[in-house]
N, C-alpha and C. Protein backbone atom coordinates (compact mmCIF):
# COMPACT_ATOMS: atom_id res chain seq x y z
N MET A 1 42.06 3.30 17.86
CA MET A 1 41.28 2.31 17.66
C MET A 1 39.72 3.02 16.79
N THR A 2 39.43 2.41 15.80
CA THR A 2 38.22 2.82 15.21
C THR A 2 37.15 1.62 15.55
N VAL A 3 36.22 2.03 15.42
CA VAL A 3 34.66 1.01 15.20
C VAL A 3 34.24 0.83 13.72
N ALA A 4 34.64 -0.30 13.20
CA ALA A 4 33.87 -0.58 11.86
C ALA A 4 32.48 -1.37 11.85
N ALA A 5 31.75 -0.87 11.06
CA ALA A 5 30.65 -1.70 10.59
C ALA A 5 30.49 -2.62 9.80
N GLY A 6 30.10 -3.71 9.44
CA GLY A 6 29.98 -4.60 8.53
C GLY A 6 28.56 -5.02 8.53
N LEU A 7 28.38 -5.93 7.58
CA LEU A 7 26.80 -6.30 7.14
C LEU A 7 26.73 -7.82 8.05
N SER A 8 25.73 -7.86 8.59
CA SER A 8 25.39 -8.77 9.60
C SER A 8 24.24 -9.65 8.74
N ALA A 9 24.49 -10.27 8.37
CA ALA A 9 23.00 -11.45 7.41
C ALA A 9 21.98 -11.99 8.23
N GLY A 10 22.58 -12.43 9.19
CA GLY A 10 21.35 -12.78 10.18
C GLY A 10 20.34 -11.70 10.46
N GLY A 11 21.44 -10.54 10.90
CA GLY A 11 20.80 -9.27 11.65
C GLY A 11 19.81 -8.59 10.33
N LEU A 12 20.20 -8.88 9.36
CA LEU A 12 19.72 -8.18 7.95
C LEU A 12 18.14 -8.69 7.80
N VAL A 13 18.14 -10.10 7.91
CA VAL A 13 17.09 -11.11 7.73
C VAL A 13 15.99 -10.73 8.84
N ARG A 14 16.56 -10.75 10.07
CA ARG A 14 15.80 -10.52 11.16
C ARG A 14 15.24 -9.22 10.93
N ALA A 15 15.77 -8.05 10.62
CA ALA A 15 15.42 -6.77 10.46
C ALA A 15 14.30 -6.74 9.52
N TRP A 16 14.83 -7.31 8.31
CA TRP A 16 13.66 -7.11 7.13
C TRP A 16 12.38 -7.98 7.76
N ALA A 17 12.39 -8.97 8.37
CA ALA A 17 10.77 -9.76 8.38
C ALA A 17 10.44 -8.86 9.70
N ALA A 18 11.08 -8.51 10.36
CA ALA A 18 10.63 -7.66 11.43
C ALA A 18 9.59 -6.03 10.97
N ALA A 19 10.63 -5.60 9.86
CA ALA A 19 10.11 -4.41 8.98
C ALA A 19 8.81 -4.75 8.49
N LEU A 20 8.92 -6.28 7.78
CA LEU A 20 7.92 -6.52 6.92
C LEU A 20 6.62 -6.60 7.65
N VAL A 21 6.63 -7.76 8.96
CA VAL A 21 5.44 -7.72 9.71
C VAL A 21 4.93 -6.37 10.18
N GLY A 22 5.91 -5.59 10.90
CA GLY A 22 5.26 -4.29 11.01
C GLY A 22 5.08 -3.47 10.39
N SER A 23 5.37 -3.21 9.15
CA SER A 23 4.57 -2.69 7.78
C SER A 23 3.33 -3.14 7.50
N VAL A 24 3.40 -4.59 7.11
CA VAL A 24 1.92 -5.27 6.80
C VAL A 24 0.98 -4.46 8.13
N VAL A 25 1.13 -4.85 9.16
CA VAL A 25 0.23 -4.71 10.34
C VAL A 25 -0.11 -3.24 10.12
N VAL A 26 0.85 -2.22 10.32
CA VAL A 26 0.33 -0.80 10.24
C VAL A 26 -0.59 -0.15 8.95
N ASN A 27 0.19 -0.97 8.01
CA ASN A 27 -0.40 -0.80 6.41
C ASN A 27 -1.81 -1.17 6.41
N GLU A 28 -2.12 -2.03 7.06
CA GLU A 28 -3.81 -2.68 6.72
C GLU A 28 -4.31 -1.75 7.68
N LEU A 29 -3.87 -1.50 8.97
CA LEU A 29 -4.78 -0.49 9.54
C LEU A 29 -5.05 0.79 9.51
N LEU A 30 -3.99 1.20 9.06
CA LEU A 30 -3.93 2.64 8.21
C LEU A 30 -4.99 2.36 6.74
N ARG A 31 -4.84 1.51 6.00
CA ARG A 31 -5.59 1.11 4.95
C ARG A 31 -6.92 1.05 5.14
N HIS A 32 -7.47 0.18 6.21
CA HIS A 32 -8.68 0.03 6.77
C HIS A 32 -9.37 1.51 7.03
N ALA A 33 -8.70 2.27 7.94
CA ALA A 33 -9.02 3.31 8.34
C ALA A 33 -9.13 4.58 6.95
N LEU A 34 -8.59 4.51 6.07
CA LEU A 34 -8.35 5.14 4.99
C LEU A 34 -9.47 4.96 3.95
N VAL A 35 -9.58 3.85 3.75
CA VAL A 35 -10.91 3.57 2.82
C VAL A 35 -12.09 4.14 3.61
N GLY A 36 -12.56 3.82 4.63
CA GLY A 36 -13.51 4.55 5.27
C GLY A 36 -13.29 6.36 5.43
N LEU A 37 -12.33 6.56 5.73
CA LEU A 37 -12.03 7.89 5.63
C LEU A 37 -12.32 8.80 4.38
N LEU A 38 -11.66 8.42 3.23
CA LEU A 38 -11.85 8.57 1.83
C LEU A 38 -12.67 8.00 1.23
N ALA A 39 -13.61 7.40 1.67
CA ALA A 39 -14.89 6.76 0.71
C ALA A 39 -14.05 5.95 -0.80
N VAL A 40 -13.25 5.30 -0.03
CA VAL A 40 -12.15 4.87 -1.38
C VAL A 40 -13.22 3.91 -2.45
N PRO A 41 -13.62 3.87 -3.82
CA PRO A 41 -14.42 3.18 -4.50
C PRO A 41 -13.66 1.69 -4.51
N ALA A 42 -15.03 0.68 -4.09
CA ALA A 42 -14.40 -0.88 -4.40
C ALA A 42 -13.79 -1.15 -5.96
N THR A 43 -13.92 -0.25 -6.16
CA THR A 43 -13.14 -0.58 -7.95
C THR A 43 -11.66 0.14 -8.25
N PHE A 44 -11.31 0.94 -6.89
CA PHE A 44 -10.09 1.61 -6.77
C PHE A 44 -9.01 0.60 -6.66
N ALA A 45 -8.55 -0.18 -7.24
CA ALA A 45 -7.61 -1.61 -6.93
C ALA A 45 -6.58 -1.18 -6.08
N PRO A 46 -5.79 -0.02 -6.18
CA PRO A 46 -4.62 0.39 -5.92
C PRO A 46 -4.94 0.33 -3.90
N PHE A 47 -5.83 0.21 -3.58
CA PHE A 47 -6.31 0.42 -2.15
C PHE A 47 -7.03 -1.24 -1.56
N THR A 48 -7.09 -1.97 -2.27
CA THR A 48 -7.55 -3.21 -2.21
C THR A 48 -5.96 -3.95 -1.24
N ARG A 49 -6.43 -4.69 -0.47
CA ARG A 49 -5.47 -5.38 0.58
C ARG A 49 -4.50 -6.27 -0.11
N PRO A 50 -5.25 -6.75 -1.29
CA PRO A 50 -3.72 -7.65 -1.96
C PRO A 50 -2.60 -6.77 -2.71
N ALA A 51 -3.34 -5.74 -3.38
CA ALA A 51 -2.29 -4.48 -3.58
C ALA A 51 -1.30 -3.84 -2.74
N VAL A 52 -1.97 -3.58 -1.75
CA VAL A 52 -0.90 -2.80 -0.36
C VAL A 52 -0.37 -3.99 -0.02
N LEU A 53 -0.70 -5.18 0.57
CA LEU A 53 0.42 -6.47 0.90
C LEU A 53 1.42 -6.65 0.08
N PHE A 54 1.03 -6.31 -1.27
CA PHE A 54 1.95 -6.81 -2.32
C PHE A 54 3.22 -5.66 -2.61
N TRP A 55 2.40 -4.27 -2.73
CA TRP A 55 3.69 -3.17 -2.64
C TRP A 55 4.15 -3.11 -1.24
N THR A 56 3.80 -3.45 0.05
CA THR A 56 4.74 -3.14 0.97
C THR A 56 5.58 -4.05 1.11
N THR A 57 5.18 -5.54 0.95
CA THR A 57 6.49 -6.53 0.48
C THR A 57 7.40 -5.86 -0.44
N VAL A 58 7.06 -5.46 -1.57
CA VAL A 58 7.99 -5.10 -2.41
C VAL A 58 8.74 -4.06 -2.07
N GLY A 59 8.22 -3.26 -1.47
CA GLY A 59 9.21 -2.01 -0.59
C GLY A 59 10.00 -2.37 0.35
N VAL A 60 9.44 -3.25 1.06
CA VAL A 60 10.57 -3.77 2.22
C VAL A 60 11.43 -4.51 1.91
N THR A 61 11.30 -5.16 0.95
CA THR A 61 12.39 -6.34 0.31
C THR A 61 13.41 -5.38 -0.16
N GLY A 62 12.79 -4.37 -1.43
CA GLY A 62 13.70 -3.66 -1.76
C GLY A 62 14.52 -2.75 -1.00
N ALA A 63 13.95 -2.07 -0.34
CA ALA A 63 14.80 -1.37 1.20
C ALA A 63 15.86 -2.21 1.60
N ALA A 64 15.36 -3.66 2.13
CA ALA A 64 16.69 -4.49 2.60
C ALA A 64 17.84 -4.67 1.58
N GLY A 65 17.43 -4.91 0.53
CA GLY A 65 18.53 -5.24 -0.55
C GLY A 65 19.58 -3.83 -0.69
N ALA A 66 18.28 -2.56 -0.66
CA ALA A 66 19.32 -1.33 -1.06
C ALA A 66 20.13 -1.32 0.37
N PHE A 67 19.42 -1.19 1.74
CA PHE A 67 20.46 -1.42 2.57
C PHE A 67 21.88 -2.09 2.41
N ALA A 68 21.82 -3.66 2.02
CA ALA A 68 22.85 -4.44 1.95
C ALA A 68 24.06 -3.91 1.12
N LEU A 69 23.12 -3.35 0.10
CA LEU A 69 24.54 -2.76 -0.77
C LEU A 69 25.12 -1.25 0.02
N VAL A 70 24.58 -0.98 0.23
CA VAL A 70 24.99 0.19 0.87
C VAL A 70 25.87 -0.19 1.99
N ALA A 71 25.26 -1.09 2.61
CA ALA A 71 26.41 -1.43 4.18
C ALA A 71 27.74 -2.09 3.24
N ARG A 72 27.55 -2.96 2.10
CA ARG A 72 28.77 -3.13 1.78
C ARG A 72 29.70 -2.17 1.21
N TRP A 73 29.42 -1.04 0.53
CA TRP A 73 30.21 0.20 0.17
C TRP A 73 30.35 1.41 1.01
N ALA A 74 29.62 1.89 2.03
CA ALA A 74 29.50 2.85 2.38
C ALA A 74 30.36 2.88 3.57
N ALA A 75 31.36 4.00 3.76
CA ALA A 75 31.89 4.31 4.87
C ALA A 75 30.95 4.36 6.23
N ASP A 76 29.83 5.14 6.25
CA ASP A 76 29.21 5.14 7.21
C ASP A 76 27.51 4.74 6.91
N PRO A 77 27.32 3.38 6.94
CA PRO A 77 26.17 2.98 6.28
C PRO A 77 24.89 3.24 6.56
N ALA A 78 24.77 3.48 8.02
CA ALA A 78 23.45 3.91 8.64
C ALA A 78 23.06 5.12 7.83
N ARG A 79 24.33 6.01 7.84
CA ARG A 79 23.73 7.70 7.67
C ARG A 79 23.55 7.34 6.27
N ALA A 80 24.23 6.86 5.26
CA ALA A 80 24.18 6.91 3.53
C ALA A 80 23.02 6.35 3.44
N TYR A 81 22.26 5.15 4.13
CA TYR A 81 21.22 4.57 3.95
C TYR A 81 20.12 5.47 4.35
N ARG A 82 20.07 6.30 5.53
CA ARG A 82 19.26 6.94 5.76
C ARG A 82 18.78 7.92 4.74
N ARG A 83 19.89 8.75 3.99
CA ARG A 83 19.89 9.79 3.04
C ARG A 83 19.32 8.90 1.60
N LEU A 84 19.67 7.95 1.80
CA LEU A 84 18.80 7.49 0.49
C LEU A 84 17.57 6.75 0.53
N ALA A 85 17.04 6.56 1.62
CA ALA A 85 15.82 6.08 2.13
C ALA A 85 14.91 7.45 1.86
N ALA A 86 15.33 8.62 2.15
CA ALA A 86 14.82 9.69 2.14
C ALA A 86 14.19 9.92 0.78
N VAL A 87 15.45 9.92 -0.06
CA VAL A 87 15.14 10.39 -1.42
C VAL A 87 14.33 9.21 -2.14
N VAL A 88 14.17 8.04 -1.55
CA VAL A 88 13.60 7.28 -2.60
C VAL A 88 12.41 6.95 -2.29
N LEU A 89 12.04 7.67 -0.96
CA LEU A 89 10.34 7.78 -0.20
C LEU A 89 9.94 8.78 -0.98
N VAL A 90 10.56 10.02 -1.32
CA VAL A 90 9.99 11.08 -2.07
C VAL A 90 9.50 10.49 -3.47
N LEU A 91 10.78 9.81 -4.00
CA LEU A 91 10.44 9.07 -5.64
C LEU A 91 9.27 8.32 -5.66
N SER A 92 9.33 7.72 -4.34
CA SER A 92 8.15 6.69 -4.51
C SER A 92 6.50 7.10 -4.41
N TRP A 93 6.49 8.54 -4.02
CA TRP A 93 5.09 9.05 -4.37
C TRP A 93 5.36 9.50 -5.66
N VAL A 94 5.83 9.46 -6.77
CA VAL A 94 5.35 9.73 -8.10
C VAL A 94 4.26 9.36 -8.52
N PRO A 95 4.57 7.93 -8.64
CA PRO A 95 3.61 7.02 -9.15
C PRO A 95 2.20 7.78 -8.69
N ASP A 96 1.95 7.72 -7.28
CA ASP A 96 0.53 7.86 -6.82
C ASP A 96 0.46 9.10 -7.12
N LEU A 97 1.12 10.35 -7.48
CA LEU A 97 0.90 11.64 -7.38
C LEU A 97 0.45 11.66 -9.41
N LEU A 98 0.56 10.92 -10.13
CA LEU A 98 0.40 10.77 -11.50
C LEU A 98 -1.01 10.02 -11.38
N LEU A 99 -1.69 9.38 -10.23
CA LEU A 99 -3.06 8.68 -10.46
C LEU A 99 -4.30 9.62 -10.86
N PRO A 100 -4.21 10.37 -10.50
CA PRO A 100 -5.36 11.76 -10.71
C PRO A 100 -5.50 12.05 -12.19
N GLY A 101 -6.55 11.52 -12.80
CA GLY A 101 -6.18 11.99 -14.32
C GLY A 101 -5.91 11.00 -15.35
N SER A 102 -5.35 9.79 -14.56
CA SER A 102 -4.81 8.63 -15.34
C SER A 102 -6.05 8.16 -16.19
N PRO A 103 -6.09 7.39 -17.27
CA PRO A 103 -7.24 6.78 -17.42
C PRO A 103 -7.08 5.40 -17.51
N ARG A 104 -6.36 4.73 -16.63
CA ARG A 104 -6.43 3.56 -16.35
C ARG A 104 -7.05 3.32 -14.89
N PHE A 105 -7.20 4.68 -14.11
CA PHE A 105 -7.69 4.68 -12.89
C PHE A 105 -8.73 5.90 -12.73
N PRO A 106 -10.01 5.86 -13.82
CA PRO A 106 -10.60 7.09 -13.49
C PRO A 106 -11.12 7.73 -12.22
N GLU A 107 -11.36 6.79 -11.56
CA GLU A 107 -11.72 7.22 -9.98
C GLU A 107 -11.15 7.48 -9.01
N ALA A 108 -9.49 7.91 -9.75
CA ALA A 108 -8.24 8.33 -8.60
C ALA A 108 -8.64 10.01 -8.20
N THR A 109 -8.38 10.39 -7.09
CA THR A 109 -8.85 11.43 -6.95
C THR A 109 -7.23 12.13 -6.12
N TRP A 110 -7.26 13.32 -5.99
CA TRP A 110 -5.84 13.92 -4.95
C TRP A 110 -5.92 13.15 -3.66
N PRO A 111 -7.21 13.29 -2.92
CA PRO A 111 -7.22 12.32 -1.64
C PRO A 111 -6.53 10.92 -1.46
N LEU A 112 -7.12 10.52 -2.33
CA LEU A 112 -6.60 9.00 -2.78
C LEU A 112 -5.16 8.71 -3.33
N ALA A 113 -4.54 9.88 -4.20
CA ALA A 113 -3.20 9.52 -4.13
C ALA A 113 -2.60 10.19 -2.81
N ALA A 114 -3.15 11.12 -1.95
CA ALA A 114 -2.43 11.22 -0.87
C ALA A 114 -2.43 10.03 -0.06
N GLY A 115 -3.76 9.44 0.31
CA GLY A 115 -3.87 8.26 0.80
C GLY A 115 -2.86 7.30 0.98
N LEU A 116 -2.79 6.94 -0.68
CA LEU A 116 -1.64 5.88 -1.03
C LEU A 116 -0.39 6.26 -0.74
N ALA A 117 0.13 7.77 -1.07
CA ALA A 117 1.63 8.04 -0.70
C ALA A 117 1.66 7.98 0.66
N LEU A 118 0.47 8.04 1.83
CA LEU A 118 0.76 8.17 3.37
C LEU A 118 1.35 6.42 3.29
N LEU A 119 0.60 5.72 2.47
CA LEU A 119 1.13 4.29 3.07
C LEU A 119 2.47 3.60 2.83
N HIS A 120 3.46 4.70 1.84
CA HIS A 120 4.70 4.52 1.83
C HIS A 120 5.50 4.60 3.24
N VAL A 121 4.78 5.73 4.16
CA VAL A 121 5.70 6.05 5.09
C VAL A 121 5.96 5.24 6.37
N PRO A 122 5.18 4.53 6.92
CA PRO A 122 5.29 3.34 7.89
C PRO A 122 6.38 2.51 7.57
N PRO A 123 6.34 1.98 6.19
CA PRO A 123 7.45 1.06 5.89
C PRO A 123 8.78 1.58 5.98
N ALA A 124 8.88 2.73 4.95
CA ALA A 124 10.22 3.66 5.39
C ALA A 124 10.49 3.94 6.65
N LEU A 125 9.88 4.16 7.45
CA LEU A 125 10.33 4.55 8.90
C LEU A 125 10.80 3.42 9.67
N LEU A 126 9.72 2.06 9.44
CA LEU A 126 10.23 0.94 10.07
C LEU A 126 11.77 0.69 9.63
N CYS A 127 11.81 0.64 8.24
CA CYS A 127 13.31 0.30 7.51
C CYS A 127 14.56 1.18 8.16
N VAL A 128 14.24 2.28 8.25
CA VAL A 128 15.47 2.93 8.53
C VAL A 128 15.62 2.70 9.98
N TRP A 129 14.37 2.92 10.74
CA TRP A 129 14.74 2.37 12.40
C TRP A 129 15.54 0.84 12.41
N LEU A 130 14.89 -0.08 11.85
CA LEU A 130 15.26 -1.45 12.42
C LEU A 130 16.73 -1.79 11.42
N LEU A 131 16.67 -1.47 10.00
CA LEU A 131 17.70 -2.14 9.34
C LEU A 131 19.47 -1.49 9.65
N PRO A 132 19.59 -0.49 9.70
CA PRO A 132 20.88 -0.10 10.41
C PRO A 132 21.13 -0.66 11.93
N ARG A 133 19.91 -0.91 12.93
CA ARG A 133 20.37 -1.15 14.01
C ARG A 133 20.67 -2.48 14.03
N TRP A 134 20.02 -3.40 13.23
CA TRP A 134 20.18 -4.93 13.23
C TRP A 134 20.51 -5.43 12.50
N GLY A 135 20.93 -4.72 11.68
CA GLY A 135 21.91 -5.70 9.94
C GLY A 135 23.18 -4.94 10.13
N LEU A 136 23.74 -4.38 10.84
CA LEU A 136 25.08 -4.14 10.67
C LEU A 136 25.77 -4.81 12.11
N ARG A 137 26.99 -5.18 12.18
CA ARG A 137 27.72 -5.82 13.42
C ARG A 137 28.66 -4.71 13.41
N SER A 138 28.97 -4.21 14.95
CA SER A 138 30.36 -3.77 14.83
C SER A 138 31.60 -4.11 15.27
N HIS A 139 32.51 -3.83 15.34
CA HIS A 139 33.77 -4.39 15.64
C HIS A 139 35.14 -3.53 16.15
N SER A 140 35.56 -3.93 17.00
CA SER A 140 36.94 -2.83 16.86
C SER A 140 37.90 -3.23 15.92
N ALA A 141 39.00 -2.39 15.79
CA ALA A 141 39.71 -2.63 15.16
C ALA A 141 40.93 -1.58 15.26
N ALA A 142 42.08 -2.40 15.61
CA ALA A 142 42.96 -1.48 15.94
C ALA A 142 43.84 -0.70 14.68
N TRP A 143 44.41 0.26 15.06
CA TRP A 143 44.92 1.08 14.05
C TRP A 143 46.35 0.70 13.23
């Protein structure tokens, strides 16, 4: 007997919603702390509440979509998704690391870029934790 996992649409929606709400709350608290700690200029748009809320929503929604695709085609969806998420997290830092010296954001510094990159971590962790747990259904299959 083997255990096969398939995508649970209802579970995926619940995991997406929980990851989104959790990520928004954690990122708002983290953003608020970083604004004070890093003395973020008011003109630095990437650290504003609407920008962080928007990009957190985009990231969590993209992560849920990626999970659905991985669950559809991977033999071990949880493991494959964890690997994909780690790679995507590192890649998601590239735009932040390109900010210092950018003519579009002259106030960008390395600490601000690092702070923005830090905001990617809570959604990534919540997605990696919740999506495989709630987004998959297991069922037994006879040989």
